[in-house]
């Protein structure tokens, strides 16, 4: 299995999403790097798959967070007149 490619894709996707992170892209990037470095010596494919799944969960969480933030901002603009 090409798990290395999956890990790299995951890293890229997270890096991309991190640009909008509330605490800032730099903060996000350093945390992301640390998390990936901490697991860089993991060799067990099952463990790697678990870590990838965790990363994909984080992506969903971030997307939900951003969606909510945009939705709230839109709603505020829309209902400002009330």
C-alpha atoms as a PDB file:
ATOM      1  CA  UNK A   1       0.000   0.000   0.000  1.00  0.00           C
ATOM      2  CA  UNK A   2       1.234   3.469  -0.790  1.00  0.00           C
ATOM      3  CA  UNK A   3       0.741   4.843   2.700  1.00  0.00           C
ATOM      4  CA  UNK A   4       3.515   7.379   2.251  1.00  0.00           C
ATOM      5  CA  UNK A   5       1.530   9.095  -0.487  1.00  0.00           C
ATOM      6  CA  UNK A   6      -1.570   9.113   1.701  1.00  0.00           C
ATOM      7  CA  UNK A   7       0.371  10.655   4.570  1.00  0.00           C
ATOM      8  CA  UNK A   8       1.788  13.358   2.292  1.00  0.00           C
ATOM      9  CA  UNK A   9      -1.661  14.140   0.897  1.00  0.00           C
ATOM     10  CA  UNK A  10      -3.039  14.366   4.400  1.00  0.00           C
ATOM     11  CA  UNK A  11      -0.247  16.742   5.391  1.00  0.00           C
ATOM     12  CA  UNK A  12      -0.866  18.929   2.334  1.00  0.00           C
ATOM     13  CA  UNK A  13      -4.617  19.045   2.918  1.00  0.00           C
ATOM     14  CA  UNK A  14      -4.148  19.979   6.556  1.00  0.00           C
ATOM     15  CA  UNK A  15      -1.561  22.602   5.661  1.00  0.00           C
ATOM     16  CA  UNK A  16      -4.014  24.093   3.167  1.00  0.00           C
ATOM     17  CA  UNK A  17      -6.838  24.163   5.715  1.00  0.00           C
ATOM     18  CA  UNK A  18      -4.518  25.651   8.327  1.00  0.00           C
ATOM     19  CA  UNK A  19      -4.343  28.922   6.412  1.00  0.00           C
ATOM     20  CA  UNK A  20      -7.697  29.963   7.859  1.00  0.00           C
ATOM     21  CA  UNK A  21      -7.035  28.723  11.389  1.00  0.00           C
ATOM     22  CA  UNK A  22      -8.342  31.189  14.034  1.00  0.00           C
ATOM     23  CA  UNK A  23      -5.049  31.247  15.960  1.00  0.00           C
ATOM     24  CA  UNK A  24      -3.100  31.842  12.756  1.00  0.00           C
ATOM     25  CA  UNK A  25      -1.473  29.794  10.019  1.00  0.00           C
ATOM     26  CA  UNK A  26       1.980  29.787  11.666  1.00  0.00           C
ATOM     27  CA  UNK A  27       0.597  28.440  14.918  1.00  0.00           C
ATOM     28  CA  UNK A  28      -1.249  25.739  13.012  1.00  0.00           C
ATOM     29  CA  UNK A  29       1.758  24.853  10.868  1.00  0.00           C
ATOM     30  CA  UNK A  30       4.076  24.362  13.838  1.00  0.00           C
ATOM     31  CA  UNK A  31       1.518  22.187  15.640  1.00  0.00           C
ATOM     32  CA  UNK A  32       0.938  20.168  12.472  1.00  0.00           C
ATOM     33  CA  UNK A  33       4.653  19.633  11.917  1.00  0.00           C
ATOM     34  CA  UNK A  34       5.140  18.522  15.522  1.00  0.00           C
ATOM     35  CA  UNK A  35       2.275  16.032  15.267  1.00  0.00           C
ATOM     36  CA  UNK A  36       3.657  14.490  12.074  1.00  0.00           C
ATOM     37  CA  UNK A  37       7.252  14.417  13.353  1.00  0.00           C
ATOM     38  CA  UNK A  38       6.141  12.695  16.551  1.00  0.00           C
ATOM     39  CA  UNK A  39       4.881   9.760  14.471  1.00  0.00           C
ATOM     40  CA  UNK A  40       7.534   9.747  11.751  1.00  0.00           C
ATOM     41  CA  UNK A  41       9.100   6.486  12.967  1.00  0.00           C
ATOM     42  CA  UNK A  42       5.843   4.519  13.027  1.00  0.00           C
ATOM     43  CA  UNK A  43       6.313   1.501  10.746  1.00  0.00           C
ATOM     44  CA  UNK A  44       3.214  -0.571  11.459  1.00  0.00           C
ATOM     45  CA  UNK A  45       0.779  -0.117   8.521  1.00  0.00           C
ATOM     46  CA  UNK A  46      -2.243  -0.563  10.799  1.00  0.00           C
ATOM     47  CA  UNK A  47      -1.006   2.156  13.141  1.00  0.00           C
ATOM     48  CA  UNK A  48      -0.296   4.424  10.164  1.00  0.00           C
ATOM     49  CA  UNK A  49      -3.846   3.861   8.892  1.00  0.00           C
ATOM     50  CA  UNK A  50      -5.205   4.801  12.323  1.00  0.00           C
ATOM     51  CA  UNK A  51      -3.153   8.001  12.290  1.00  0.00           C
ATOM     52  CA  UNK A  52      -4.379   8.838   8.780  1.00  0.00           C
ATOM     53  CA  UNK A  53      -7.968   8.283   9.905  1.00  0.00           C
ATOM     54  CA  UNK A  54      -7.369  10.627  12.838  1.00  0.00           C
ATOM     55  CA  UNK A  55      -5.986  13.215  10.435  1.00  0.00           C
ATOM     56  CA  UNK A  56      -9.031  12.901   8.195  1.00  0.00           C
ATOM     57  CA  UNK A  57     -11.246  13.400  11.225  1.00  0.00           C
ATOM     58  CA  UNK A  58      -9.343  16.604  12.037  1.00  0.00           C
ATOM     59  CA  UNK A  59      -9.958  17.778   8.455  1.00  0.00           C
ATOM     60  CA  UNK A  60     -13.706  17.261   8.877  1.00  0.00           C
ATOM     61  CA  UNK A  61     -13.629  19.135  12.194  1.00  0.00           C
ATOM     62  CA  UNK A  62     -11.782  22.071  10.638  1.00  0.00           C
ATOM     63  CA  UNK A  63     -14.153  22.213   7.695  1.00  0.00           C
ATOM     64  CA  UNK A  64     -17.113  22.231  10.072  1.00  0.00           C
ATOM     65  CA  UNK A  65     -15.507  24.981  12.150  1.00  0.00           C
ATOM     66  CA  UNK A  66     -14.875  27.156   9.099  1.00  0.00           C
ATOM     67  CA  UNK A  67     -18.342  26.506   7.718  1.00  0.00           C
ATOM     68  CA  UNK A  68     -19.938  27.553  11.000  1.00  0.00           C
ATOM     69  CA  UNK A  69     -17.794  30.660  11.181  1.00  0.00           C
ATOM     70  CA  UNK A  70     -18.744  31.707   7.648  1.00  0.00           C
ATOM     71  CA  UNK A  71     -22.392  30.911   8.300  1.00  0.00           C
ATOM     72  CA  UNK A  72     -22.439  33.011  11.481  1.00  0.00           C
ATOM     73  CA  UNK A  73     -20.736  35.935   9.742  1.00  0.00           C
ATOM     74  CA  UNK A  74     -23.244  35.761   6.889  1.00  0.00           C
ATOM     75  CA  UNK A  75     -26.157  35.564   9.295  1.00  0.00           C
ATOM     76  CA  UNK A  76     -24.881  38.565  11.240  1.00  0.00           C
ATOM     77  CA  UNK A  77     -24.582  40.633   8.084  1.00  0.00           C
ATOM     78  CA  UNK A  78     -28.005  39.543   6.963  1.00  0.00           C
ATOM     79  CA  UNK A  79     -29.819  40.271  10.226  1.00  0.00           C
ATOM     80  CA  UNK A  80     -27.957  43.434  11.200  1.00  0.00           C
ATOM     81  CA  UNK A  81     -31.042  45.523  10.421  1.00  0.00           C
ATOM     82  CA  UNK A  82     -33.251  43.791  13.017  1.00  0.00           C
END
